[in-house]
C-alpha atoms as a PDB file:
ATOM      1  CA  MET A   1     -10.268   3.940 -22.810  1.00  0.00           C
ATOM      2  CA  VAL A   2      -7.925   5.924 -20.536  1.00  0.00           C
ATOM      3  CA  ARG A   3      -4.360   6.259 -21.776  1.00  0.00           C
ATOM      4  CA  ALA A   4      -1.629   7.241 -19.418  1.00  0.00           C
ATOM      5  CA  ARG A   5       0.787   9.658 -21.030  1.00  0.00           C
ATOM      6  CA  ILE A   6       4.262   9.861 -19.577  1.00  0.00           C
ATOM      7  CA  ARG A   7       6.164  12.993 -20.665  1.00  0.00           C
ATOM      8  CA  GLU A   8       9.728  12.576 -21.335  1.00  0.00           C
ATOM      9  CA  ARG A   9      10.827  15.017 -18.741  1.00  0.00           C
ATOM     10  CA  ASP A  10       8.885  13.096 -16.096  1.00  0.00           C
ATOM     11  CA  ILE A  11      10.953   9.873 -16.686  1.00  0.00           C
ATOM     12  CA  PRO A  12      13.961  10.670 -14.498  1.00  0.00           C
ATOM     13  CA  VAL A  13      11.706  11.646 -11.531  1.00  0.00           C
ATOM     14  CA  MET A  14       9.535   8.593 -12.116  1.00  0.00           C
ATOM     15  CA  ILE A  15      12.466   6.218 -12.027  1.00  0.00           C
ATOM     16  CA  PHE A  16      14.155   7.994  -9.120  1.00  0.00           C
ATOM     17  CA  SER A  17      10.816   7.764  -7.069  1.00  0.00           C
ATOM     18  CA  LEU A  18      10.178   4.189  -7.899  1.00  0.00           C
ATOM     19  CA  MET A  19      13.983   3.312  -7.077  1.00  0.00           C
ATOM     20  CA  ILE A  20      13.578   4.917  -3.618  1.00  0.00           C
ATOM     21  CA  ILE A  21      10.358   3.022  -2.981  1.00  0.00           C
ATOM     22  CA  ALA A  22      12.002  -0.252  -4.141  1.00  0.00           C
ATOM     23  CA  VAL A  23      14.995   0.318  -1.789  1.00  0.00           C
ATOM     24  CA  LEU A  24      12.791   1.148   1.086  1.00  0.00           C
ATOM     25  CA  THR A  25      10.859  -2.068   0.308  1.00  0.00           C
ATOM     26  CA  ILE A  26      13.895  -4.252   0.221  1.00  0.00           C
ATOM     27  CA  VAL A  27      15.306  -2.779   3.332  1.00  0.00           C
ATOM     28  CA  SER A  28      11.963  -3.122   5.196  1.00  0.00           C
ATOM     29  CA  TRP A  29      11.961  -6.898   4.371  1.00  0.00           C
ATOM     30  CA  SER A  30      15.006  -7.449   6.467  1.00  0.00           C
ATOM     31  CA  ILE A  31      14.586  -5.079   9.424  1.00  0.00           C
ATOM     32  CA  PRO A  32      12.496  -6.459  12.160  1.00  0.00           C
ATOM     33  CA  LEU A  33      10.157  -3.361  12.688  1.00  0.00           C
ATOM     34  CA  GLU A  34       7.846  -5.377  14.962  1.00  0.00           C
ATOM     35  CA  ASN A  35      10.656  -5.299  17.638  1.00  0.00           C
ATOM     36  CA  TYR A  36      10.461  -1.463  17.580  1.00  0.00           C
ATOM     37  CA  LEU A  37       6.752  -1.076  17.244  1.00  0.00           C
ATOM     38  CA  SER A  38       5.496  -3.522  19.955  1.00  0.00           C
ATOM     39  CA  THR A  39       6.523  -3.644  23.614  1.00  0.00           C
ATOM     40  CA  TYR A  40       4.653  -6.914  24.120  1.00  0.00           C
ATOM     41  CA  PRO A  41       7.009  -9.923  24.565  1.00  0.00           C
ATOM     42  CA  PHE A  42       5.851 -12.534  22.025  1.00  0.00           C
ATOM     43  CA  TYR A  43       7.331 -14.707  19.337  1.00  0.00           C
ATOM     44  CA  ARG A  44       8.277 -12.290  16.571  1.00  0.00           C
ATOM     45  CA  ARG A  45       9.345 -14.820  13.883  1.00  0.00           C
ATOM     46  CA  PHE A  46       6.097 -15.694  12.275  1.00  0.00           C
ATOM     47  CA  PRO A  47       6.511 -16.311   8.563  1.00  0.00           C
ATOM     48  CA  TRP A  48       4.255 -13.575   7.573  1.00  0.00           C
ATOM     49  CA  TYR A  49       6.211 -10.827   9.319  1.00  0.00           C
ATOM     50  CA  PRO A  50       8.399  -9.934   6.318  1.00  0.00           C
ATOM     51  CA  TYR A  51       5.288  -9.377   4.226  1.00  0.00           C
ATOM     52  CA  TRP A  52       3.775  -7.347   7.004  1.00  0.00           C
ATOM     53  CA  ARG A  53       6.842  -5.129   7.302  1.00  0.00           C
ATOM     54  CA  VAL A  54       6.889  -4.432   3.589  1.00  0.00           C
ATOM     55  CA  ALA A  55       3.114  -3.729   3.554  1.00  0.00           C
ATOM     56  CA  LEU A  56       3.466  -1.355   6.567  1.00  0.00           C
ATOM     57  CA  VAL A  57       6.310   0.554   5.013  1.00  0.00           C
ATOM     58  CA  ASN A  58       4.430   0.883   1.765  1.00  0.00           C
ATOM     59  CA  LEU A  59       1.313   1.957   3.533  1.00  0.00           C
ATOM     60  CA  PHE A  60       3.277   4.888   5.191  1.00  0.00           C
ATOM     61  CA  ILE A  61       4.918   5.722   1.783  1.00  0.00           C
ATOM     62  CA  TRP A  62       1.423   5.715   0.172  1.00  0.00           C
ATOM     63  CA  ILE A  63      -0.049   8.069   2.943  1.00  0.00           C
ATOM     64  CA  THR A  64       2.794  10.363   2.643  1.00  0.00           C
ATOM     65  CA  VAL A  65       2.599  10.461  -1.184  1.00  0.00           C
ATOM     66  CA  ALA A  66      -1.266  10.794  -1.018  1.00  0.00           C
ATOM     67  CA  LEU A  67      -0.828  13.858   1.040  1.00  0.00           C
ATOM     68  CA  LEU A  68       1.749  15.320  -1.204  1.00  0.00           C
ATOM     69  CA  PHE A  69      -0.361  14.468  -4.213  1.00  0.00           C
ATOM     70  CA  SER A  70      -2.985  16.938  -3.144  1.00  0.00           C
ATOM     71  CA  SER A  71      -0.457  19.736  -4.140  1.00  0.00           C
ATOM     72  CA  ASN A  72      -1.649  18.865  -7.763  1.00  0.00           C
ATOM     73  CA  THR A  73       1.777  17.634  -8.917  1.00  0.00           C
ATOM     74  CA  ARG A  74       1.678  15.068 -11.569  1.00  0.00           C
ATOM     75  CA  LEU A  75       4.882  13.593 -10.588  1.00  0.00           C
ATOM     76  CA  PHE A  76       3.328  12.066  -7.430  1.00  0.00           C
ATOM     77  CA  VAL A  77       1.193   9.826  -9.556  1.00  0.00           C
ATOM     78  CA  TYR A  78       3.813   7.348 -10.091  1.00  0.00           C
ATOM     79  CA  PRO A  79       5.006   6.780  -6.432  1.00  0.00           C
ATOM     80  CA  LEU A  80       1.316   6.796  -5.392  1.00  0.00           C
ATOM     81  CA  VAL A  81       0.375   3.949  -7.706  1.00  0.00           C
ATOM     82  CA  PHE A  82       3.613   2.040  -7.179  1.00  0.00           C
ATOM     83  CA  SER A  83       3.388   2.156  -3.383  1.00  0.00           C
ATOM     84  CA  MET A  84      -0.384   1.240  -3.627  1.00  0.00           C
ATOM     85  CA  ALA A  85       0.419  -1.732  -5.768  1.00  0.00           C
ATOM     86  CA  LEU A  86       3.134  -2.854  -3.421  1.00  0.00           C
ATOM     87  CA  PHE A  87       1.145  -2.471  -0.310  1.00  0.00           C
ATOM     88  CA  THR A  88      -1.680  -4.355  -1.707  1.00  0.00           C
ATOM     89  CA  VAL A  89       0.400  -7.242  -3.008  1.00  0.00           C
ATOM     90  CA  PHE A  90       2.314  -7.619   0.271  1.00  0.00           C
ATOM     91  CA  HIS A  91      -0.832  -7.261   2.320  1.00  0.00           C
ATOM     92  CA  TYR A  92      -2.472 -10.176   0.687  1.00  0.00           C
ATOM     93  CA  LEU A  93       0.660 -12.126   0.684  1.00  0.00           C
ATOM     94  CA  MET A  94       0.805 -11.703   4.398  1.00  0.00           C
ATOM     95  CA  ILE A  95      -2.695 -13.091   4.748  1.00  0.00           C
ATOM     96  CA  LEU A  96      -1.992 -15.905   2.259  1.00  0.00           C
ATOM     97  CA  THR A  97       1.135 -16.869   4.326  1.00  0.00           C
ATOM     98  CA  ALA A  98      -0.960 -16.905   7.505  1.00  0.00           C
ATOM     99  CA  ILE A  99      -3.546 -19.171   5.812  1.00  0.00           C
ATOM    100  CA  GLN A 100      -0.711 -21.510   4.852  1.00  0.00           C
ATOM    101  CA  GLU A 101       0.347 -21.663   8.397  1.00  0.00           C
ATOM    102  CA  GLY A 102      -3.129 -22.880   9.348  1.00  0.00           C
ATOM    103  CA  TYR A 103      -4.845 -19.651  10.435  1.00  0.00           C
ATOM    104  CA  ILE A 104      -8.343 -19.187   9.256  1.00  0.00           C
ATOM    105  CA  PHE A 105      -8.953 -15.978   7.200  1.00  0.00           C
ATOM    106  CA  GLY A 106     -11.745 -14.817   4.925  1.00  0.00           C
ATOM    107  CA  ILE A 107     -12.098 -11.850   2.656  1.00  0.00           C
ATOM    108  CA  SER A 108     -15.339  -9.876   2.278  1.00  0.00           C
ATOM    109  CA  VAL A 109     -16.187  -6.513   0.837  1.00  0.00           C
ATOM    110  CA  LEU A 110     -13.876  -3.870   2.549  1.00  0.00           C
ATOM    111  CA  VAL A 111     -13.216  -6.279   5.453  1.00  0.00           C
ATOM    112  CA  PHE A 112     -11.360  -9.393   6.166  1.00  0.00           C
ATOM    113  CA  TYR A 113     -11.889 -11.662   9.089  1.00  0.00           C
ATOM    114  CA  SER A 114     -10.015 -14.295  11.058  1.00  0.00           C
ATOM    115  CA  VAL A 115     -11.296 -16.962  13.160  1.00  0.00           C
ATOM    116  CA  TRP A 116      -9.426 -17.531  16.462  1.00  0.00           C
ATOM    117  CA  GLU A 117     -10.558 -19.747  19.304  1.00  0.00           C
ATOM    118  CA  LYS A 118     -14.108 -19.972  17.933  1.00  0.00           C
ATOM    119  CA  LYS A 119     -14.327 -16.189  17.723  1.00  0.00           C
ATOM    120  CA  THR A 120     -14.568 -14.152  14.472  1.00  0.00           C
ATOM    121  CA  LEU A 121     -12.536 -11.050  14.431  1.00  0.00           C
ATOM    122  CA  TYR A 122     -13.218  -8.492  11.596  1.00  0.00           C
ATOM    123  CA  TYR A 123     -10.607  -6.012  10.305  1.00  0.00           C
ATOM    124  CA  ILE A 124     -10.974  -3.150   7.807  1.00  0.00           C
ATOM    125  CA  ASP A 125      -9.258  -4.492   4.647  1.00  0.00           C
ATOM    126  CA  LEU A 126      -6.857  -1.702   3.580  1.00  0.00           C
ATOM    127  CA  GLY A 127      -5.838  -4.022   0.783  1.00  0.00           C
ATOM    128  CA  GLN A 128      -9.192  -3.013  -0.836  1.00  0.00           C
ATOM    129  CA  ILE A 129      -9.567   0.438   0.605  1.00  0.00           C
ATOM    130  CA  VAL A 130      -6.101   1.858  -0.417  1.00  0.00           C
ATOM    131  CA  PRO A 131      -6.638   1.008  -4.227  1.00  0.00           C
ATOM    132  CA  LEU A 132     -10.181   2.531  -4.036  1.00  0.00           C
ATOM    133  CA  LEU A 133      -8.745   5.759  -2.515  1.00  0.00           C
ATOM    134  CA  THR A 134      -6.017   5.803  -5.008  1.00  0.00           C
ATOM    135  CA  ALA A 135      -8.548   5.615  -7.844  1.00  0.00           C
ATOM    136  CA  LEU A 136     -10.629   8.314  -6.157  1.00  0.00           C
ATOM    137  CA  LEU A 137      -7.576  10.547  -5.905  1.00  0.00           C
ATOM    138  CA  LEU A 138      -6.614   9.982  -9.457  1.00  0.00           C
ATOM    139  CA  PHE A 139     -10.209  10.598 -10.580  1.00  0.00           C
ATOM    140  CA  LEU A 140     -10.629  13.848  -8.602  1.00  0.00           C
ATOM    141  CA  SER A 141      -7.179  14.974  -9.775  1.00  0.00           C
ATOM    142  CA  LYS A 142      -8.138  14.427 -13.401  1.00  0.00           C
ATOM    143  CA  LYS A 143     -11.584  16.035 -12.841  1.00  0.00           C
ATOM    144  CA  ARG A 144      -9.770  19.074 -11.174  1.00  0.00           C
ATOM    145  CA  THR A 145      -7.287  19.374 -14.092  1.00  0.00           C
ATOM    146  CA  VAL A 146     -10.181  19.334 -16.663  1.00  0.00           C
ATOM    147  CA  THR A 147     -12.038  21.973 -14.648  1.00  0.00           C
ATOM    148  CA  LEU A 148      -9.147  24.230 -14.290  1.00  0.00           C
ATOM    149  CA  SER A 149      -8.207  23.980 -17.979  1.00  0.00           C
ATOM    150  CA  LYS A 150     -11.756  25.091 -18.859  1.00  0.00           C
ATOM    151  CA  GLU A 151     -11.400  28.279 -16.843  1.00  0.00           C
END
């Protein structure tokens, strides 16, 4: 069994980083990012857009933290895991909302697909890949720490 040990001096940094991610998540819910990211004129008020916004922002946070995590700082573990969890939850809420609107989606191993006008479109499922990469980063970090402590 793996136990996560939180050192007392890490708690303020952990809380601060989680608060920043929470604030960015709340703000991203209400700002129509799709208006700034797309030049195509189409109806932008689909019910899954708020989930998409939050998932997108947390994906960017996760990528940034994953890059910083390579600096071998333990404090990046908390925002890495928190942003991964938020991204995954809102990614699948977005898909669930689209399904409730009548769109056809399916989830397979590392991909999800949608059926549109009798055509099946496949997408890489970042909702599965990001948690796997996070687990890999944590595993490699733990392995590197153990290797360095033996030297």
